[in-house]
Amino acid sequence: MPDVDGKSRSPWGRWSLRWGLPSAVVALVSVWVLEPASLVGAIIAAGVALGALLVFVGTMPRRQPPTERRARRGAGE
């Protein structure tokens, strides 16, 4: 929802730029762009991609019930 300043209150917008996009880029670069030629390189690339995936999932904002969001919104006023 837009705020009075025109900024979004949604944590998903901030998260996607701060954590989601960089994690996705690291995962894609480690596997598709580098294209490991050896088994060791493939294992390292897969490890980097899995690490990026864990950061991606681990930093996702938690879902909040609508009542809790309304309560938080009203607390600051």
Protein backbone atom coordinates (compact mmCIF):
# COMPACT_ATOMS: atom_id res chain seq x y z
CA MET A 1 0.00 0.00 0.00
CA PRO A 2 1.32 3.46 -0.81
CA ASP A 3 2.32 5.60 2.10
CA VAL A 4 1.73 9.36 2.30
CA ASP A 5 5.31 9.92 1.10
CA GLY A 6 4.62 7.80 -1.98
CA LYS A 7 6.81 5.00 -0.63
CA SER A 8 5.61 1.44 -0.31
CA ARG A 9 5.11 -0.07 3.12
CA SER A 10 5.49 -3.55 1.73
CA PRO A 11 8.61 -5.32 2.95
CA TRP A 12 8.66 -7.37 -0.27
CA GLY A 13 9.75 -4.45 -2.44
CA ARG A 14 12.71 -3.63 -0.23
CA TRP A 15 13.61 -7.29 0.19
CA SER A 16 13.55 -8.03 -3.53
CA LEU A 17 16.07 -5.28 -4.29
CA ARG A 18 18.29 -5.84 -1.26
CA TRP A 19 18.42 -9.65 -1.08
CA GLY A 20 16.35 -11.32 -3.79
CA LEU A 21 17.92 -9.86 -6.91
CA PRO A 22 21.57 -10.22 -5.78
CA SER A 23 20.99 -13.80 -4.62
CA ALA A 24 19.38 -14.75 -7.92
CA VAL A 25 22.22 -13.13 -9.88
CA VAL A 26 24.88 -14.98 -7.87
CA ALA A 27 23.10 -18.30 -8.36
CA LEU A 28 22.69 -17.78 -12.11
CA VAL A 29 26.23 -16.48 -12.67
CA SER A 30 27.80 -19.34 -10.72
CA VAL A 31 26.17 -21.98 -12.91
CA TRP A 32 25.22 -20.52 -16.29
CA VAL A 33 27.86 -17.91 -16.97
CA LEU A 34 30.90 -19.70 -15.54
CA GLU A 35 29.91 -23.09 -17.04
CA PRO A 36 32.26 -25.23 -14.96
CA ALA A 37 34.22 -27.72 -17.08
CA SER A 38 35.42 -30.07 -14.34
CA LEU A 39 33.67 -32.01 -11.62
CA VAL A 40 35.31 -29.91 -8.91
CA GLY A 41 34.23 -26.71 -10.65
CA ALA A 42 30.68 -28.01 -10.94
CA ILE A 43 30.58 -28.90 -7.24
CA ILE A 44 31.87 -25.45 -6.30
CA ALA A 45 29.36 -23.74 -8.62
CA ALA A 46 26.53 -25.83 -7.18
CA GLY A 47 27.66 -24.97 -3.64
CA VAL A 48 27.69 -21.26 -4.44
CA ALA A 49 24.26 -21.52 -6.06
CA LEU A 50 22.85 -23.40 -3.06
CA GLY A 51 24.35 -20.81 -0.69
CA ALA A 52 22.70 -18.03 -2.68
CA LEU A 53 19.41 -19.94 -2.57
CA LEU A 54 19.67 -20.29 1.21
CA VAL A 55 20.28 -16.55 1.56
CA PHE A 56 17.35 -15.92 -0.79
CA VAL A 57 14.96 -18.07 1.24
CA GLY A 58 16.37 -17.21 4.66
CA THR A 59 15.94 -13.47 4.23
CA MET A 60 12.37 -13.53 2.88
CA PRO A 61 9.93 -11.40 4.87
CA ARG A 62 7.53 -13.40 7.01
CA ARG A 63 3.85 -13.54 6.16
CA GLN A 64 1.69 -11.60 8.59
CA PRO A 65 -2.02 -12.03 9.13
CA PRO A 66 -4.05 -8.99 7.99
CA THR A 67 -5.05 -8.21 11.59
CA GLU A 68 -1.40 -7.97 12.67
CA ARG A 69 -0.59 -5.65 9.76
CA ARG A 70 -3.47 -3.37 10.72
CA ALA A 71 -2.37 -3.37 14.36
CA ARG A 72 1.18 -2.41 13.39
CA ARG A 73 -0.09 0.31 11.09
CA GLY A 74 -2.24 1.84 13.81
CA ALA A 75 0.53 1.68 16.42
CA GLY A 76 2.62 4.37 14.73
CA GLU A 77 -0.15 6.95 14.55
